[in-house]
Amino acid sequence: MSIAPEEVEAPARDAVLFRSSPARTFTVVFLALMVAYVAVSPVVGWIAGDTGDPWWVASLQAVVIGAVVAGAYALSARAALPTWVRVSAGGLELAAQDSDPILLDWADITAVVVRRDGLRTVLEVVPADLDSVHPVQGPDHGEPTLVDTPRGPAFTADLTQIWPSPAALRRELDRRMRAAGKP
């Protein structure tokens, strides 16, 4: 079970927290489905023949279908796994998809990449040396997923549900990496 960011003392006072938000995910999926349903329903009505239902029936159907699908997605096994990233002058903390958090000093990070993978946004953190990774809870607990990349082994995290946004996290990471003298 992952530790909540509130249970971990930030390595510096200027820490900025980015965390997964099922409510944000629900809202985005719900709104996308509402727009799609309302845009497509006149075309479907024209092809299937007009049923004579008032406009509010299609709107009610859009709300019900949008709420059910968005709720199922937001509560799905993948979406329900908490992820958080805390960026500060003290380093980068990462707890991804229900892993225990780790801490990396900026000097111990070779590269940080935020990239798209299909519909997902993925964070890759390449440590200079795996021995430089500091577990926040202790050495016996699970750390974020480690994958092989062309730059070396990297810790990964799915940022699709991160709030405020993956773009805001990318800007903060770029600022911190430049301050640490990293490209």
N, C-alpha and C. Protein backbone atom coordinates (compact mmCIF):
# COMPACT_ATOMS: atom_id res chain seq x y z
N MET A 1 0.84 -1.18 0.00
CA MET A 1 0.00 0.00 0.00
C MET A 1 0.88 1.24 0.00
N SER A 2 0.60 2.14 -0.88
CA SER A 2 1.38 3.35 -1.02
C SER A 2 1.12 4.31 0.14
N ILE A 3 2.12 5.08 0.46
CA ILE A 3 2.01 6.11 1.47
C ILE A 3 1.43 7.36 0.81
N ALA A 4 0.52 8.03 1.48
CA ALA A 4 -0.03 9.28 0.96
C ALA A 4 1.04 10.37 1.07
N PRO A 5 1.04 11.34 0.17
CA PRO A 5 2.07 12.39 0.22
C PRO A 5 2.02 13.20 1.52
N GLU A 6 0.85 13.29 2.13
CA GLU A 6 0.72 14.02 3.39
C GLU A 6 1.46 13.32 4.53
N GLU A 7 1.71 12.03 4.40
CA GLU A 7 2.39 11.26 5.43
C GLU A 7 3.91 11.30 5.29
N VAL A 8 4.40 11.93 4.24
CA VAL A 8 5.83 12.00 3.97
C VAL A 8 6.26 13.46 4.06
N GLU A 9 7.27 13.72 4.86
CA GLU A 9 7.78 15.08 4.97
C GLU A 9 8.49 15.46 3.68
N ALA A 10 8.16 16.62 3.15
CA ALA A 10 8.78 17.09 1.92
C ALA A 10 10.26 17.37 2.15
N PRO A 11 11.11 17.09 1.16
CA PRO A 11 12.55 17.31 1.34
C PRO A 11 12.95 18.79 1.36
N ALA A 12 12.04 19.67 0.93
CA ALA A 12 12.32 21.11 0.93
C ALA A 12 11.00 21.87 1.05
N ARG A 13 11.09 23.12 1.48
CA ARG A 13 9.90 23.95 1.70
C ARG A 13 9.18 24.33 0.40
N ASP A 14 9.91 24.33 -0.71
CA ASP A 14 9.33 24.78 -1.98
C ASP A 14 8.70 23.65 -2.80
N ALA A 15 8.30 22.59 -2.14
CA ALA A 15 7.78 21.41 -2.84
C ALA A 15 6.46 21.71 -3.55
N VAL A 16 6.33 21.15 -4.74
CA VAL A 16 5.11 21.24 -5.53
C VAL A 16 4.61 19.82 -5.73
N LEU A 17 3.36 19.56 -5.35
CA LEU A 17 2.79 18.21 -5.40
C LEU A 17 1.88 18.05 -6.60
N PHE A 18 2.07 16.95 -7.31
CA PHE A 18 1.22 16.56 -8.42
C PHE A 18 0.68 15.18 -8.06
N ARG A 19 -0.64 15.00 -8.10
CA ARG A 19 -1.21 13.72 -7.72
C ARG A 19 -2.37 13.33 -8.62
N SER A 20 -2.62 12.02 -8.67
CA SER A 20 -3.73 11.53 -9.49
C SER A 20 -5.04 12.00 -8.89
N SER A 21 -5.99 12.26 -9.75
CA SER A 21 -7.28 12.78 -9.32
C SER A 21 -8.41 12.03 -10.02
N PRO A 22 -9.01 11.05 -9.34
CA PRO A 22 -10.15 10.36 -9.95
C PRO A 22 -11.31 11.30 -10.27
N ALA A 23 -11.50 12.35 -9.47
CA ALA A 23 -12.59 13.31 -9.74
C ALA A 23 -12.32 14.06 -11.04
N ARG A 24 -11.07 14.44 -11.27
CA ARG A 24 -10.73 15.12 -12.52
C ARG A 24 -10.91 14.17 -13.70
N THR A 25 -10.50 12.93 -13.53
CA THR A 25 -10.67 11.95 -14.59
C THR A 25 -12.15 11.76 -14.92
N PHE A 26 -12.98 11.63 -13.88
CA PHE A 26 -14.42 11.50 -14.08
C PHE A 26 -14.96 12.69 -14.86
N THR A 27 -14.58 13.89 -14.46
CA THR A 27 -15.09 15.10 -15.10
C THR A 27 -14.69 15.17 -16.57
N VAL A 28 -13.44 14.88 -16.87
CA VAL A 28 -12.96 14.96 -18.25
C VAL A 28 -13.66 13.92 -19.12
N VAL A 29 -13.75 12.68 -18.65
CA VAL A 29 -14.40 11.62 -19.43
C VAL A 29 -15.89 11.93 -19.58
N PHE A 30 -16.53 12.38 -18.51
CA PHE A 30 -17.96 12.71 -18.56
C PHE A 30 -18.22 13.81 -19.59
N LEU A 31 -17.46 14.88 -19.54
CA LEU A 31 -17.66 15.98 -20.49
C LEU A 31 -17.40 15.55 -21.93
N ALA A 32 -16.37 14.75 -22.15
CA ALA A 32 -16.08 14.26 -23.50
C ALA A 32 -17.23 13.39 -24.02
N LEU A 33 -17.77 12.55 -23.17
CA LEU A 33 -18.89 11.70 -23.59
C LEU A 33 -20.16 12.52 -23.83
N MET A 34 -20.38 13.54 -23.02
CA MET A 34 -21.54 14.41 -23.23
C MET A 34 -21.46 15.10 -24.59
N VAL A 35 -20.32 15.68 -24.89
CA VAL A 35 -20.15 16.38 -26.16
C VAL A 35 -20.32 15.40 -27.32
N ALA A 36 -19.70 14.22 -27.22
CA ALA A 36 -19.81 13.22 -28.29
C ALA A 36 -21.26 12.76 -28.47
N TYR A 37 -21.95 12.51 -27.37
CA TYR A 37 -23.33 12.03 -27.45
C TYR A 37 -24.24 13.09 -28.07
N VAL A 38 -24.11 14.31 -27.61
CA VAL A 38 -24.95 15.39 -28.13
C VAL A 38 -24.63 15.66 -29.60
N ALA A 39 -23.37 15.53 -30.00
CA ALA A 39 -22.98 15.77 -31.39
C ALA A 39 -23.46 14.65 -32.31
N VAL A 40 -23.47 13.43 -31.83
CA VAL A 40 -23.80 12.28 -32.67
C VAL A 40 -25.30 11.98 -32.67
N SER A 41 -26.01 12.31 -31.62
CA SER A 41 -27.43 11.92 -31.53
C SER A 41 -28.30 12.48 -32.65
N PRO A 42 -28.08 13.70 -33.17
CA PRO A 42 -28.90 14.12 -34.32
C PRO A 42 -28.64 13.28 -35.57
N VAL A 43 -27.40 12.87 -35.77
CA VAL A 43 -27.07 12.04 -36.93
C VAL A 43 -27.73 10.67 -36.79
N VAL A 44 -27.64 10.08 -35.59
CA VAL A 44 -28.27 8.79 -35.35
C VAL A 44 -29.79 8.91 -35.49
N GLY A 45 -30.35 9.99 -34.98
CA GLY A 45 -31.80 10.22 -35.13
C GLY A 45 -32.22 10.34 -36.57
N TRP A 46 -31.41 10.99 -37.38
CA TRP A 46 -31.73 11.15 -38.79
C TRP A 46 -31.64 9.81 -39.51
N ILE A 47 -30.60 8.99 -39.19
CA ILE A 47 -30.44 7.69 -39.84
C ILE A 47 -31.53 6.72 -39.40
N ALA A 48 -31.82 6.69 -38.09
CA ALA A 48 -32.79 5.74 -37.55
C ALA A 48 -34.23 6.21 -37.72
N GLY A 49 -34.41 7.42 -38.07
CA GLY A 49 -35.76 7.96 -38.18
C GLY A 49 -36.12 8.66 -36.89
N ASP A 50 -36.79 9.78 -37.00
CA ASP A 50 -37.13 10.57 -35.83
C ASP A 50 -38.12 9.82 -34.95
N THR A 51 -37.79 9.74 -33.64
CA THR A 51 -38.66 9.04 -32.69
C THR A 51 -39.73 9.96 -32.12
N GLY A 52 -39.56 11.24 -32.31
CA GLY A 52 -40.53 12.20 -31.79
C GLY A 52 -40.30 12.56 -30.33
N ASP A 53 -39.23 12.08 -29.74
CA ASP A 53 -38.92 12.41 -28.35
C ASP A 53 -38.48 13.87 -28.24
N PRO A 54 -38.82 14.53 -27.13
CA PRO A 54 -38.34 15.92 -26.94
C PRO A 54 -36.83 15.95 -26.75
N TRP A 55 -36.24 17.15 -26.88
CA TRP A 55 -34.79 17.32 -26.80
C TRP A 55 -34.21 16.87 -25.48
N TRP A 56 -34.96 17.01 -24.40
CA TRP A 56 -34.44 16.70 -23.07
C TRP A 56 -34.25 15.20 -22.86
N VAL A 57 -34.90 14.37 -23.66
CA VAL A 57 -34.71 12.92 -23.55
C VAL A 57 -33.29 12.55 -23.98
N ALA A 58 -32.83 13.12 -25.09
CA ALA A 58 -31.45 12.85 -25.54
C ALA A 58 -30.45 13.39 -24.53
N SER A 59 -30.74 14.55 -23.94
CA SER A 59 -29.84 15.12 -22.93
C SER A 59 -29.79 14.23 -21.69
N LEU A 60 -30.92 13.72 -21.26
CA LEU A 60 -30.97 12.83 -20.10
C LEU A 60 -30.22 11.54 -20.38
N GLN A 61 -30.38 11.00 -21.58
CA GLN A 61 -29.63 9.80 -21.96
C GLN A 61 -28.13 10.08 -21.95
N ALA A 62 -27.72 11.23 -22.44
CA ALA A 62 -26.30 11.60 -22.45
C ALA A 62 -25.76 11.69 -21.03
N VAL A 63 -26.51 12.27 -20.12
CA VAL A 63 -26.07 12.39 -18.73
C VAL A 63 -25.93 11.02 -18.08
N VAL A 64 -26.92 10.16 -18.27
CA VAL A 64 -26.88 8.83 -17.65
C VAL A 64 -25.73 8.00 -18.22
N ILE A 65 -25.62 7.94 -19.53
CA ILE A 65 -24.56 7.15 -20.15
C ILE A 65 -23.18 7.73 -19.79
N GLY A 66 -23.05 9.04 -19.85
CA GLY A 66 -21.78 9.68 -19.50
C GLY A 66 -21.38 9.40 -18.06
N ALA A 67 -22.35 9.50 -17.13
CA ALA A 67 -22.05 9.27 -15.71
C ALA A 67 -21.66 7.81 -15.46
N VAL A 68 -22.35 6.88 -16.07
CA VAL A 68 -22.05 5.46 -15.85
C VAL A 68 -20.68 5.10 -16.42
N VAL A 69 -20.41 5.50 -17.64
CA VAL A 69 -19.13 5.15 -18.27
C VAL A 69 -17.97 5.88 -17.58
N ALA A 70 -18.11 7.16 -17.30
CA ALA A 70 -17.05 7.92 -16.64
C ALA A 70 -16.82 7.39 -15.22
N GLY A 71 -17.88 7.04 -14.52
CA GLY A 71 -17.74 6.47 -13.17
C GLY A 71 -17.04 5.13 -13.20
N ALA A 72 -17.40 4.28 -14.17
CA ALA A 72 -16.74 2.98 -14.29
C ALA A 72 -15.27 3.15 -14.61
N TYR A 73 -14.95 4.11 -15.48
CA TYR A 73 -13.54 4.33 -15.83
C TYR A 73 -12.76 4.88 -14.64
N ALA A 74 -13.33 5.87 -13.95
CA ALA A 74 -12.63 6.49 -12.82
C ALA A 74 -12.41 5.50 -11.67
N LEU A 75 -13.28 4.51 -11.55
CA LEU A 75 -13.15 3.53 -10.47
C LEU A 75 -12.48 2.23 -10.93
N SER A 76 -12.09 2.17 -12.20
CA SER A 76 -11.47 0.95 -12.71
C SER A 76 -10.18 0.67 -11.97
N ALA A 77 -9.71 -0.55 -12.06
CA ALA A 77 -8.52 -0.98 -11.32
C ALA A 77 -7.31 -0.11 -11.65
N ARG A 78 -7.08 0.19 -12.90
CA ARG A 78 -5.91 0.99 -13.30
C ARG A 78 -6.05 2.43 -12.82
N ALA A 79 -7.22 3.00 -12.98
CA ALA A 79 -7.42 4.40 -12.64
C ALA A 79 -7.44 4.63 -11.13
N ALA A 80 -7.79 3.62 -10.36
CA ALA A 80 -7.91 3.78 -8.91
C ALA A 80 -6.56 3.75 -8.19
N LEU A 81 -5.49 3.37 -8.87
CA LEU A 81 -4.19 3.29 -8.23
C LEU A 81 -3.59 4.68 -8.06
N PRO A 82 -3.30 5.07 -6.83
CA PRO A 82 -2.79 6.43 -6.61
C PRO A 82 -1.37 6.63 -7.12
N THR A 83 -1.15 7.78 -7.71
CA THR A 83 0.16 8.18 -8.18
C THR A 83 0.40 9.60 -7.71
N TRP A 84 1.60 9.87 -7.23
CA TRP A 84 1.95 11.25 -6.91
C TRP A 84 3.42 11.50 -7.16
N VAL A 85 3.71 12.74 -7.53
CA VAL A 85 5.06 13.21 -7.81
C VAL A 85 5.22 14.53 -7.05
N ARG A 86 6.30 14.63 -6.27
CA ARG A 86 6.58 15.88 -5.56
C ARG A 86 7.95 16.38 -6.01
N VAL A 87 7.96 17.62 -6.48
CA VAL A 87 9.17 18.22 -7.03
C VAL A 87 9.58 19.37 -6.10
N SER A 88 10.85 19.38 -5.71
CA SER A 88 11.34 20.45 -4.83
C SER A 88 12.84 20.62 -5.06
N ALA A 89 13.41 21.59 -4.37
CA ALA A 89 14.86 21.79 -4.46
C ALA A 89 15.60 20.59 -3.90
N GLY A 90 14.97 19.83 -3.02
CA GLY A 90 15.59 18.65 -2.42
C GLY A 90 15.60 17.44 -3.31
N GLY A 91 14.84 17.45 -4.41
CA GLY A 91 14.83 16.32 -5.32
C GLY A 91 13.44 16.00 -5.83
N LEU A 92 13.33 14.81 -6.39
CA LEU A 92 12.09 14.33 -6.98
C LEU A 92 11.61 13.12 -6.19
N GLU A 93 10.39 13.20 -5.69
CA GLU A 93 9.77 12.06 -5.01
C GLU A 93 8.73 11.48 -5.95
N LEU A 94 8.65 10.16 -6.00
CA LEU A 94 7.75 9.49 -6.92
C LEU A 94 7.13 8.27 -6.27
N ALA A 95 5.81 8.20 -6.30
CA ALA A 95 5.06 7.00 -5.91
C ALA A 95 4.08 6.74 -7.05
N ALA A 96 4.29 5.68 -7.79
CA ALA A 96 3.52 5.44 -9.01
C ALA A 96 2.71 4.17 -8.94
N GLN A 97 1.43 4.29 -9.28
CA GLN A 97 0.51 3.17 -9.35
C GLN A 97 0.62 2.26 -8.13
N ASP A 98 0.45 2.85 -6.97
CA ASP A 98 0.38 2.14 -5.69
C ASP A 98 1.72 1.60 -5.20
N SER A 99 2.82 2.13 -5.73
CA SER A 99 4.14 1.74 -5.21
C SER A 99 4.46 2.59 -3.99
N ASP A 100 5.49 2.21 -3.27
CA ASP A 100 5.96 3.04 -2.18
C ASP A 100 6.83 4.15 -2.77
N PRO A 101 6.86 5.32 -2.13
CA PRO A 101 7.59 6.44 -2.70
C PRO A 101 9.11 6.28 -2.61
N ILE A 102 9.75 6.87 -3.61
CA ILE A 102 11.22 6.94 -3.64
C ILE A 102 11.62 8.40 -3.74
N LEU A 103 12.84 8.70 -3.38
CA LEU A 103 13.38 10.05 -3.47
C LEU A 103 14.69 10.00 -4.25
N LEU A 104 14.81 10.89 -5.21
CA LEU A 104 16.05 11.03 -5.98
C LEU A 104 16.51 12.48 -5.89
N ASP A 105 17.76 12.69 -5.50
CA ASP A 105 18.34 14.03 -5.53
C ASP A 105 18.54 14.42 -6.98
N TRP A 106 18.49 15.71 -7.29
CA TRP A 106 18.67 16.16 -8.67
C TRP A 106 20.02 15.73 -9.24
N ALA A 107 21.03 15.70 -8.40
CA ALA A 107 22.36 15.27 -8.87
C ALA A 107 22.39 13.80 -9.26
N ASP A 108 21.44 13.02 -8.74
CA ASP A 108 21.40 11.58 -9.01
C ASP A 108 20.48 11.22 -10.18
N ILE A 109 19.96 12.22 -10.87
CA ILE A 109 19.05 11.98 -12.00
C ILE A 109 19.78 12.30 -13.30
N THR A 110 19.79 11.33 -14.22
CA THR A 110 20.40 11.53 -15.53
C THR A 110 19.43 12.24 -16.48
N ALA A 111 18.18 11.78 -16.50
CA ALA A 111 17.19 12.37 -17.40
C ALA A 111 15.80 12.19 -16.82
N VAL A 112 14.94 13.16 -17.13
CA VAL A 112 13.52 13.09 -16.80
C VAL A 112 12.76 13.38 -18.09
N VAL A 113 11.90 12.45 -18.50
CA VAL A 113 11.18 12.60 -19.76
C VAL A 113 9.68 12.43 -19.49
N VAL A 114 8.89 13.37 -19.99
CA VAL A 114 7.44 13.25 -20.00
C VAL A 114 7.05 13.06 -21.45
N ARG A 115 6.45 11.91 -21.78
CA ARG A 115 6.14 11.60 -23.17
C ARG A 115 4.74 11.00 -23.30
N ARG A 116 4.23 11.02 -24.51
CA ARG A 116 2.94 10.41 -24.81
C ARG A 116 3.15 8.96 -25.24
N ASP A 117 2.27 8.09 -24.78
CA ASP A 117 2.27 6.69 -25.17
C ASP A 117 0.82 6.33 -25.49
N GLY A 118 0.41 6.55 -26.74
CA GLY A 118 -0.99 6.38 -27.10
C GLY A 118 -1.81 7.47 -26.43
N LEU A 119 -2.82 7.08 -25.65
CA LEU A 119 -3.64 8.05 -24.95
C LEU A 119 -3.08 8.41 -23.58
N ARG A 120 -2.04 7.74 -23.16
CA ARG A 120 -1.46 7.98 -21.84
C ARG A 120 -0.29 8.95 -21.92
N THR A 121 -0.05 9.65 -20.81
CA THR A 121 1.14 10.47 -20.65
C THR A 121 2.00 9.76 -19.61
N VAL A 122 3.27 9.53 -19.94
CA VAL A 122 4.15 8.72 -19.10
C VAL A 122 5.36 9.54 -18.67
N LEU A 123 5.73 9.39 -17.39
CA LEU A 123 6.94 9.99 -16.85
C LEU A 123 8.01 8.92 -16.76
N GLU A 124 9.21 9.23 -17.25
CA GLU A 124 10.36 8.34 -17.11
C GLU A 124 11.45 9.10 -16.38
N VAL A 125 11.91 8.54 -15.26
CA VAL A 125 13.00 9.14 -14.48
C VAL A 125 14.17 8.17 -14.53
N VAL A 126 15.27 8.61 -15.15
CA VAL A 126 16.46 7.78 -15.30
C VAL A 126 17.47 8.18 -14.22
N PRO A 127 17.68 7.29 -13.23
CA PRO A 127 18.68 7.62 -12.19
C PRO A 127 20.09 7.39 -12.72
N ALA A 128 21.05 8.17 -12.20
CA ALA A 128 22.45 7.99 -12.59
C ALA A 128 22.94 6.62 -12.15
N ASP A 129 22.47 6.18 -10.99
CA ASP A 129 22.85 4.89 -10.43
C ASP A 129 21.68 4.41 -9.58
N LEU A 130 21.29 3.15 -9.74
CA LEU A 130 20.15 2.64 -8.97
C LEU A 130 20.43 2.64 -7.47
N ASP A 131 21.71 2.65 -7.08
CA ASP A 131 22.04 2.72 -5.65
C ASP A 131 21.78 4.11 -5.07
N SER A 132 21.58 5.11 -5.93
CA SER A 132 21.32 6.46 -5.45
C SER A 132 19.85 6.70 -5.13
N VAL A 133 19.00 5.70 -5.37
CA VAL A 133 17.58 5.83 -5.10
C VAL A 133 17.34 5.62 -3.60
N HIS A 134 16.64 6.57 -2.99
CA HIS A 134 16.37 6.51 -1.56
C HIS A 134 14.91 6.14 -1.33
N PRO A 135 14.63 4.93 -0.82
CA PRO A 135 13.23 4.62 -0.49
C PRO A 135 12.80 5.45 0.71
N VAL A 136 11.60 5.97 0.66
CA VAL A 136 11.10 6.82 1.74
C VAL A 136 10.67 5.97 2.93
N GLN A 137 10.15 4.76 2.67
CA GLN A 137 9.61 3.93 3.73
C GLN A 137 10.60 2.90 4.25
N GLY A 138 11.55 2.50 3.49
CA GLY A 138 12.50 1.47 3.90
C GLY A 138 12.80 0.56 2.73
N PRO A 139 13.85 -0.26 2.82
CA PRO A 139 14.29 -1.05 1.67
C PRO A 139 13.42 -2.27 1.35
N ASP A 140 12.48 -2.63 2.20
CA ASP A 140 11.72 -3.86 1.98
C ASP A 140 10.42 -3.65 1.20
N HIS A 141 10.12 -2.45 0.78
CA HIS A 141 8.85 -2.17 0.13
C HIS A 141 9.05 -1.95 -1.36
N GLY A 142 7.97 -2.08 -2.14
CA GLY A 142 8.05 -1.97 -3.60
C GLY A 142 8.27 -0.56 -4.08
N GLU A 143 9.07 -0.42 -5.11
CA GLU A 143 9.31 0.88 -5.71
C GLU A 143 8.57 0.95 -7.03
N PRO A 144 8.50 2.13 -7.66
CA PRO A 144 7.81 2.26 -8.94
C PRO A 144 8.39 1.31 -9.99
N THR A 145 7.61 1.06 -11.02
CA THR A 145 8.01 0.17 -12.10
C THR A 145 9.29 0.66 -12.75
N LEU A 146 10.19 -0.27 -12.99
CA LEU A 146 11.47 0.03 -13.62
C LEU A 146 11.46 -0.61 -15.00
N VAL A 147 11.74 0.19 -16.03
CA VAL A 147 11.79 -0.31 -17.41
C VAL A 147 13.12 0.07 -18.04
N ASP A 148 13.49 -0.68 -19.06
CA ASP A 148 14.71 -0.37 -19.81
C ASP A 148 14.38 0.62 -20.92
N THR A 149 15.15 1.68 -21.00
CA THR A 149 14.99 2.70 -22.04
C THR A 149 16.35 2.86 -22.73
N PRO A 150 16.40 3.56 -23.85
CA PRO A 150 17.69 3.80 -24.50
C PRO A 150 18.67 4.59 -23.61
N ARG A 151 18.14 5.34 -22.64
CA ARG A 151 18.99 6.12 -21.73
C ARG A 151 19.41 5.32 -20.50
N GLY A 152 18.88 4.10 -20.36
CA GLY A 152 19.17 3.26 -19.19
C GLY A 152 17.90 2.90 -18.45
N PRO A 153 18.00 2.18 -17.33
CA PRO A 153 16.81 1.83 -16.57
C PRO A 153 16.12 3.09 -16.05
N ALA A 154 14.78 3.10 -16.14
CA ALA A 154 14.02 4.28 -15.73
C ALA A 154 12.81 3.87 -14.90
N PHE A 155 12.52 4.68 -13.89
CA PHE A 155 11.28 4.52 -13.14
C PHE A 155 10.19 5.19 -13.96
N THR A 156 9.02 4.55 -14.03
CA THR A 156 7.94 5.10 -14.83
C THR A 156 6.70 5.35 -13.98
N ALA A 157 5.89 6.28 -14.45
CA ALA A 157 4.62 6.59 -13.82
C ALA A 157 3.64 7.05 -14.89
N ASP A 158 2.41 6.62 -14.76
CA ASP A 158 1.34 7.06 -15.66
C ASP A 158 0.82 8.40 -15.14
N LEU A 159 0.97 9.44 -15.94
CA LEU A 159 0.58 10.79 -15.53
C LEU A 159 -0.77 11.22 -16.10
N THR A 160 -1.49 10.32 -16.71
CA THR A 160 -2.73 10.68 -17.38
C THR A 160 -3.70 11.39 -16.45
N GLN A 161 -3.76 10.98 -15.18
CA GLN A 161 -4.72 11.58 -14.25
C GLN A 161 -4.10 12.60 -13.31
N ILE A 162 -2.85 12.97 -13.53
CA ILE A 162 -2.16 13.88 -12.63
C ILE A 162 -2.80 15.26 -12.66
N TRP A 163 -2.92 15.85 -11.48
CA TRP A 163 -3.46 17.19 -11.35
C TRP A 163 -2.44 18.06 -10.65
N PRO A 164 -2.07 19.24 -11.04
CA PRO A 164 -2.78 20.08 -11.94
C PRO A 164 -2.75 19.57 -13.39
N SER A 165 -1.63 19.19 -13.98
CA SER A 165 -1.64 18.59 -15.32
C SER A 165 -0.24 18.07 -15.63
N PRO A 166 -0.14 17.13 -16.58
CA PRO A 166 1.19 16.68 -17.01
C PRO A 166 2.03 17.82 -17.59
N ALA A 167 1.39 18.78 -18.26
CA ALA A 167 2.14 19.91 -18.83
C ALA A 167 2.74 20.77 -17.72
N ALA A 168 1.99 20.99 -16.64
CA ALA A 168 2.52 21.77 -15.51
C ALA A 168 3.67 21.02 -14.84
N LEU A 169 3.56 19.71 -14.74
CA LEU A 169 4.65 18.91 -14.18
C LEU A 169 5.88 19.00 -15.07
N ARG A 170 5.69 18.92 -16.38
CA ARG A 170 6.81 19.02 -17.32
C ARG A 170 7.53 20.36 -17.16
N ARG A 171 6.77 21.45 -17.04
CA ARG A 171 7.39 22.77 -16.86
C ARG A 171 8.19 22.83 -15.56
N GLU A 172 7.63 22.28 -14.49
CA GLU A 172 8.32 22.29 -13.19
C GLU A 172 9.59 21.43 -13.25
N LEU A 173 9.50 20.27 -13.89
CA LEU A 173 10.68 19.41 -14.03
C LEU A 173 11.76 20.08 -14.86
N ASP A 174 11.37 20.73 -15.96
CA ASP A 174 12.34 21.43 -16.80
C ASP A 174 13.04 22.53 -16.00
N ARG A 175 12.27 23.27 -15.23
CA ARG A 175 12.84 24.35 -14.42
C ARG A 175 13.84 23.81 -13.40
N ARG A 176 13.47 22.71 -12.73
CA ARG A 176 14.36 22.12 -11.72
C ARG A 176 15.60 21.50 -12.34
N MET A 177 15.44 20.85 -13.48
CA MET A 177 16.60 20.23 -14.13
C MET A 177 17.57 21.31 -14.62
N ARG A 178 17.05 22.43 -15.16
CA ARG A 178 17.93 23.52 -15.58
C ARG A 178 18.66 24.11 -14.37
N ALA A 179 17.94 24.26 -13.25
CA ALA A 179 18.58 24.80 -12.03
C ALA A 179 19.67 23.87 -11.52
N ALA A 180 19.50 22.55 -11.76
CA ALA A 180 20.50 21.57 -11.31
C ALA A 180 21.64 21.42 -12.32
N GLY A 181 21.55 22.18 -13.44
CA GLY A 181 22.61 22.12 -14.46
C GLY A 181 22.49 20.91 -15.36
N LYS A 182 21.29 20.37 -15.49
CA LYS A 182 21.07 19.20 -16.36
C LYS A 182 20.34 19.66 -17.62
N PRO A 183 20.63 19.02 -18.76
CA PRO A 183 19.96 19.41 -20.01
C PRO A 183 18.51 18.98 -20.04
